[in-house]
C-alpha atoms as a PDB file:
ATOM      1  CA  UNK A   1       0.008   0.203  -0.030  1.00  0.00           C
ATOM      2  CA  UNK A   2       1.374   3.396  -0.639  1.00  0.00           C
ATOM      3  CA  UNK A   3      -0.266   6.549   0.878  1.00  0.00           C
ATOM      4  CA  UNK A   4       1.362  10.194  -0.166  1.00  0.00           C
ATOM      5  CA  UNK A   5       5.182   9.054   0.193  1.00  0.00           C
ATOM      6  CA  UNK A   6       4.966   6.482   2.804  1.00  0.00           C
ATOM      7  CA  UNK A   7       4.911   2.780   1.928  1.00  0.00           C
ATOM      8  CA  UNK A   8       3.373  -0.173   4.080  1.00  0.00           C
ATOM      9  CA  UNK A   9       3.584  -3.761   2.912  1.00  0.00           C
ATOM     10  CA  UNK A  10       0.166  -5.949   3.545  1.00  0.00           C
ATOM     11  CA  UNK A  11       2.108  -8.377   5.926  1.00  0.00           C
ATOM     12  CA  UNK A  12       3.005  -4.860   7.600  1.00  0.00           C
ATOM     13  CA  UNK A  13      -0.254  -3.768   8.152  1.00  0.00           C
ATOM     14  CA  UNK A  14      -1.539  -7.362   8.990  1.00  0.00           C
ATOM     15  CA  UNK A  15       0.858  -7.248  11.426  1.00  0.00           C
ATOM     16  CA  UNK A  16       0.252  -3.997  13.381  1.00  0.00           C
ATOM     17  CA  UNK A  17      -3.688  -5.176  12.655  1.00  0.00           C
ATOM     18  CA  UNK A  18      -3.347  -8.257  14.974  1.00  0.00           C
ATOM     19  CA  UNK A  19      -1.731  -6.064  17.233  1.00  0.00           C
ATOM     20  CA  UNK A  20      -3.967  -3.483  17.861  1.00  0.00           C
ATOM     21  CA  UNK A  21      -6.888  -6.250  17.738  1.00  0.00           C
ATOM     22  CA  UNK A  22      -5.303  -8.274  20.358  1.00  0.00           C
ATOM     23  CA  UNK A  23      -4.841  -5.319  22.165  1.00  0.00           C
ATOM     24  CA  UNK A  24      -8.647  -4.448  21.475  1.00  0.00           C
ATOM     25  CA  UNK A  25      -9.655  -8.073  22.553  1.00  0.00           C
ATOM     26  CA  UNK A  26      -7.692  -7.781  25.993  1.00  0.00           C
ATOM     27  CA  UNK A  27      -9.633  -4.205  26.704  1.00  0.00           C
ATOM     28  CA  UNK A  28     -12.845  -6.342  26.270  1.00  0.00           C
ATOM     29  CA  UNK A  29     -14.305  -5.557  22.514  1.00  0.00           C
ATOM     30  CA  UNK A  30     -16.014  -8.425  20.964  1.00  0.00           C
ATOM     31  CA  UNK A  31     -18.735  -9.408  18.754  1.00  0.00           C
ATOM     32  CA  UNK A  32     -20.738  -6.440  17.880  1.00  0.00           C
ATOM     33  CA  UNK A  33     -19.157  -4.458  20.149  1.00  0.00           C
ATOM     34  CA  UNK A  34     -19.050  -0.382  19.025  1.00  0.00           C
ATOM     35  CA  UNK A  35     -15.097   1.152  18.701  1.00  0.00           C
ATOM     36  CA  UNK A  36     -15.027   4.711  17.825  1.00  0.00           C
ATOM     37  CA  UNK A  37     -12.474   5.740  15.977  1.00  0.00           C
ATOM     38  CA  UNK A  38     -11.447   9.386  15.191  1.00  0.00           C
ATOM     39  CA  UNK A  39      -8.039   9.825  12.950  1.00  0.00           C
ATOM     40  CA  UNK A  40      -6.944  11.548  10.014  1.00  0.00           C
ATOM     41  CA  UNK A  41      -6.630   9.363   6.765  1.00  0.00           C
ATOM     42  CA  UNK A  42      -3.545   7.119   6.375  1.00  0.00           C
ATOM     43  CA  UNK A  43      -2.403   4.128   7.543  1.00  0.00           C
ATOM     44  CA  UNK A  44      -3.343   4.272  11.038  1.00  0.00           C
ATOM     45  CA  UNK A  45      -6.892   4.672   9.905  1.00  0.00           C
ATOM     46  CA  UNK A  46      -6.779   1.347   7.583  1.00  0.00           C
ATOM     47  CA  UNK A  47      -4.853  -0.419  10.373  1.00  0.00           C
ATOM     48  CA  UNK A  48      -7.350   1.114  13.330  1.00  0.00           C
ATOM     49  CA  UNK A  49     -10.513  -0.067  10.748  1.00  0.00           C
ATOM     50  CA  UNK A  50      -8.878  -3.327  10.313  1.00  0.00           C
ATOM     51  CA  UNK A  51      -8.004  -4.101  13.907  1.00  0.00           C
ATOM     52  CA  UNK A  52     -11.499  -3.201  15.006  1.00  0.00           C
ATOM     53  CA  UNK A  53     -13.225  -5.602  12.609  1.00  0.00           C
ATOM     54  CA  UNK A  54     -10.445  -8.479  13.664  1.00  0.00           C
ATOM     55  CA  UNK A  55     -11.518  -7.884  17.132  1.00  0.00           C
ATOM     56  CA  UNK A  56     -15.134  -8.860  16.080  1.00  0.00           C
ATOM     57  CA  UNK A  57     -16.451  -4.999  16.434  1.00  0.00           C
ATOM     58  CA  UNK A  58     -18.040  -2.502  14.485  1.00  0.00           C
ATOM     59  CA  UNK A  59     -16.124   0.700  14.258  1.00  0.00           C
ATOM     60  CA  UNK A  60     -18.274   4.303  14.135  1.00  0.00           C
ATOM     61  CA  UNK A  61     -16.295   6.847  12.400  1.00  0.00           C
ATOM     62  CA  UNK A  62     -15.508  10.352  13.996  1.00  0.00           C
ATOM     63  CA  UNK A  63     -14.581  13.195  11.786  1.00  0.00           C
ATOM     64  CA  UNK A  64     -11.368  14.367  13.254  1.00  0.00           C
ATOM     65  CA  UNK A  65     -12.518  17.711  11.902  1.00  0.00           C
ATOM     66  CA  UNK A  66     -15.441  18.052  14.246  1.00  0.00           C
ATOM     67  CA  UNK A  67     -15.200  20.308  17.227  1.00  0.00           C
ATOM     68  CA  UNK A  68     -14.679  18.549  20.583  1.00  0.00           C
ATOM     69  CA  UNK A  69     -17.677  19.192  22.099  1.00  0.00           C
ATOM     70  CA  UNK A  70     -19.204  17.502  19.422  1.00  0.00           C
ATOM     71  CA  UNK A  71     -16.960  14.583  19.608  1.00  0.00           C
ATOM     72  CA  UNK A  72     -17.851  13.926  23.329  1.00  0.00           C
ATOM     73  CA  UNK A  73     -14.573  13.971  24.460  1.00  0.00           C
END
């Protein structure tokens, strides 16, 4: 995968997503759990989305351009 001036192999993507998925599972994410993700477009977003799905959850995308009050942070 290539995004702007960065590249990531599918093996690297899978390794990073698996690492994050295991972390999410340890934190209690399971089937049908909703997980909010608020990141700019890029590899972090792809890794995060894939990890959430691998953990069995469903992702809820939040736009980082929204004001903090709207995000509920």
